[in-house]
Amino acid sequence: MKTPILLILLLLGIGVPARAVTFTDDSGEIIHLQEVPRRVVILNSSNLELFVAAGGKPFAYGESATMPAYLQEYINDLPSVGTAQNPDLEKIVSLQPDLVIGMNFPFHTALKPSLKRAGIPMAVFNVRHRADLRHKMEIFGNLTGNPRQAESRIGEIDAAIDKARQSVGQASRTVLVIFGTPESFSMALPDSFVGEMVELAGGFNVAPKNARSSNGMMNGFAPISMEYVTMANPDVILVITHNNATQIEGSDLLGRLPAWNSLQAVRNKRVYNLPFETYGINPTVRLGTAVLELSALLYPEHYQ
């Protein structure tokens, strides 16, 4: 029997060449690492969740109020580099990481030049939809050296979504998703992450596909038009607020409008609050579970 070459090299004490990693981040920069990085600092919750799901152990992290409890417990013993919105550049540099991962937004991309001068590569990623999630998990699988684990997690997400689709069949309940801030309310467009989840869960998002989307972190959302909502008259209304309020009726902007109370979803008590930490941001590897939960909310009769 032939002895495997890898075993021979190990027995002889000859080092096996390190596995290089090359990828393109969301800023368009091609990043080449000579080997799988071991000291990775991750500045935001979504990318941290992808990294951990792909079998990685971060070296340090950025604090986030939207971090799910299981993830916070996982990284409790790791050093913090400030908040996701205000990372501590000096602290990051002092840790001398092999790679820093953040979001493709100004408060992270602004760090790139300084980190580059310090000899520290930085990659920025945003996950905007399901297909994008698959692509990013492939990158994270290579970054952690665990491509099979990353592929397995994607398989679990696909299986959960397939289960939701099989449970509701050809049903298509009309749905409006409202995203609330202290200043205003917006509606989630079909190309937003939560808009896509509604469709994956068997719902039909009534928000117009041609509406002008907001820019930046609110991409995929548009200002709400009560005239349009009244004409659409959705079967179900889903509400996402930063403070996870359980009733939207207390809002001066919507709840006190006669048109709001005339909607069939309001009359039939089919207005539901969704937790911000799952639906207010992209749930990444929790996508399958989130779609199943949403499907059961839209079609409780199929899950009894």
Foldseek 3Di string as FASTA:
>chain_A
DDDDPVVVCVVVVHDDQADKAWDAFPVRDIDIDRHQWQAEEEEDQQVLVLLVLLPHDHQEYADDPLHDPVSCVSCVVHHYQYHSQAGNLVVVLVVVGQEYEHAPACSPVVSQVVCVVSVHYYHHHAQWELVSLLVVSCNSNRNRVRNVSSVVLNVVLVVLLVVLCVLVPQAEFEEWEWEDEPVAIWTFACSGHLNVLCVSNRYHYQPDNPADADDDPRGRIGGDDLVSCLVVLGLAYEYEYPVQDFDPLPDPVANPDPSNCPRNNNVVVRYGYDYCSDRVGPNRSCSSVVSNVSSCSVCVVSVD
